[in-house]
Amino acid sequence: MRAQNVVVLQGDSVIAQSLLNSLSSSFRSVRTVNSLGDLRASIARTRPAIVVIDMEAATMAEVANLSREFPKTRVVCTHRLADEAMWTEALNAGAADVCPSYDAKAVLSAAIRSTHRSRSVAA
């Protein structure tokens, strides 16, 4: 599985480091960015399989734009107070999943599921 790249946009540096540590064991390259502009540039340059986006750093419209602009990159959203309504809205915007920001294991699971779905669709 380590052949995939991941880019993380997370407003909280402690959570960003936790996600980086969790994801780096399962993906070839995991890097963090500090802004939506940096995220967009990183996606265009490195074509990661997955991006993890803190919903406090991006709107649902921005998630939808990223999903449309980069359809081969799966979006996993995080939020400190993720709930079912946010999950539904994010999925409708093109995200693969929404997880609580503090739950690195859930984000890792969502990212792994996303790569498996991408491979299934490609096959």
Protein backbone atom coordinates (compact mmCIF):
# COMPACT_ATOMS: atom_id res chain seq x y z
CA MET A 1 0.00 0.00 0.00
CA ARG A 2 2.95 2.34 0.54
CA ALA A 3 2.83 3.48 -3.09
CA GLN A 4 0.30 6.22 -2.28
CA ASN A 5 0.85 9.89 -1.31
CA VAL A 6 -1.23 11.84 1.21
CA VAL A 7 -1.45 15.59 1.88
CA VAL A 8 -2.93 16.89 5.15
CA LEU A 9 -4.43 20.35 5.76
CA GLN A 10 -5.06 20.61 9.50
CA GLY A 11 -5.37 23.82 11.51
CA ASP A 12 -4.19 22.32 14.81
CA SER A 13 -0.47 21.46 14.73
CA VAL A 14 -0.80 18.76 17.44
CA ILE A 15 -3.55 16.99 15.48
CA ALA A 16 -1.59 17.45 12.24
CA GLN A 17 1.41 15.71 13.81
CA SER A 18 -0.79 12.88 15.12
CA LEU A 19 -2.27 12.35 11.65
CA LEU A 20 1.18 12.52 10.07
CA ASN A 21 2.47 9.85 12.46
CA SER A 22 -0.55 7.60 11.92
CA LEU A 23 -0.67 7.88 8.14
CA SER A 24 3.07 7.63 7.51
CA SER A 25 3.12 3.97 8.52
CA SER A 26 0.70 3.08 5.71
CA PHE A 27 1.49 5.53 2.91
CA ARG A 28 4.68 6.29 1.02
CA SER A 29 4.63 10.04 1.54
CA VAL A 30 2.59 12.12 3.97
CA ARG A 31 3.05 15.86 4.11
CA THR A 32 1.24 18.72 5.73
CA VAL A 33 0.34 22.07 4.23
CA ASN A 34 -0.72 25.28 5.96
CA SER A 35 -3.43 26.69 3.71
CA LEU A 36 -6.02 25.80 1.11
CA GLY A 37 -3.86 27.47 -1.54
CA ASP A 38 -0.90 25.30 -0.53
CA LEU A 39 -3.15 22.24 -0.62
CA ARG A 40 -4.37 23.02 -4.13
CA ALA A 41 -0.80 23.59 -5.35
CA SER A 42 0.38 20.37 -3.71
CA ILE A 43 -2.43 18.35 -5.31
CA ALA A 44 -1.64 19.80 -8.73
CA ARG A 45 2.08 19.12 -8.31
CA THR A 46 2.18 15.70 -6.59
CA ARG A 47 -1.23 14.17 -7.47
CA PRO A 48 -1.74 12.48 -4.08
CA ALA A 49 -4.17 9.59 -3.77
CA ILE A 50 -5.71 11.18 -0.67
CA VAL A 51 -6.04 14.58 0.95
CA VAL A 52 -7.17 15.04 4.53
CA ILE A 53 -8.89 18.39 5.04
CA ASP A 54 -9.80 20.03 8.34
CA MET A 55 -13.33 21.37 7.78
CA GLU A 56 -12.42 24.43 9.82
CA ALA A 57 -9.87 25.29 7.12
CA ALA A 58 -12.13 24.74 4.09
CA THR A 59 -15.78 25.23 3.25
CA MET A 60 -18.01 22.56 1.73
CA ALA A 61 -17.93 24.54 -1.53
CA GLU A 62 -14.13 24.30 -1.50
CA VAL A 63 -14.31 20.55 -0.85
CA ALA A 64 -16.71 20.25 -3.81
CA ASN A 65 -14.38 22.30 -6.02
CA LEU A 66 -11.36 20.17 -5.08
CA SER A 67 -13.33 16.97 -5.69
CA ARG A 68 -14.38 18.18 -9.14
CA GLU A 69 -11.00 19.63 -10.08
CA PHE A 70 -9.02 16.57 -8.91
CA PRO A 71 -11.38 13.59 -9.34
CA LYS A 72 -8.64 10.97 -8.84
CA THR A 73 -7.73 12.39 -5.42
CA ARG A 74 -9.95 11.12 -2.60
CA VAL A 75 -10.93 13.66 0.06
CA VAL A 76 -11.23 12.67 3.71
CA CYS A 77 -12.58 15.50 5.85
CA THR A 78 -12.01 15.99 9.56
CA HIS A 79 -13.75 18.15 12.13
CA ARG A 80 -13.50 18.41 15.90
CA LEU A 81 -17.29 18.07 16.19
CA ALA A 82 -18.12 15.87 13.22
CA ASP A 83 -21.75 14.80 13.11
CA GLU A 84 -24.12 13.02 10.76
CA ALA A 85 -25.37 16.21 9.07
CA MET A 86 -21.79 17.31 8.33
CA TRP A 87 -20.97 13.81 7.08
CA THR A 88 -23.93 13.87 4.67
CA GLU A 89 -23.07 17.36 3.42
CA ALA A 90 -19.41 16.44 2.90
CA LEU A 91 -20.26 13.25 1.02
CA ASN A 92 -22.61 15.24 -1.20
CA ALA A 93 -19.70 17.63 -1.85
CA GLY A 94 -17.57 14.71 -3.04
CA ALA A 95 -15.70 13.70 0.12
CA ALA A 96 -15.07 10.01 0.78
CA ASP A 97 -15.64 10.31 4.53
CA VAL A 98 -15.72 12.63 7.55
CA CYS A 99 -13.93 11.70 10.77
CA PRO A 100 -13.36 13.42 14.10
CA SER A 101 -10.07 15.37 13.92
CA TYR A 102 -8.71 13.77 17.06
CA ASP A 103 -9.29 10.17 15.87
CA ALA A 104 -6.18 9.38 13.83
CA LYS A 105 -7.16 5.69 13.59
CA ALA A 106 -10.51 6.59 11.99
CA VAL A 107 -8.77 8.90 9.51
CA LEU A 108 -6.28 6.15 8.67
CA SER A 109 -9.13 3.66 8.15
CA ALA A 110 -11.02 6.12 5.94
CA ALA A 111 -7.89 6.79 3.91
CA ILE A 112 -7.19 3.09 3.43
CA ARG A 113 -10.83 2.43 2.44
CA SER A 114 -10.59 5.31 -0.03
CA THR A 115 -7.55 3.84 -1.75
CA HIS A 116 -9.24 0.44 -2.00
CA ARG A 117 -12.33 2.05 -3.58
CA SER A 118 -10.17 3.95 -6.05
CA ARG A 119 -8.47 0.74 -7.12
CA SER A 120 -11.80 -1.07 -7.46
CA VAL A 121 -13.19 1.68 -9.68
CA ALA A 122 -10.03 1.69 -11.80
CA ALA A 123 -10.16 -2.09 -12.30
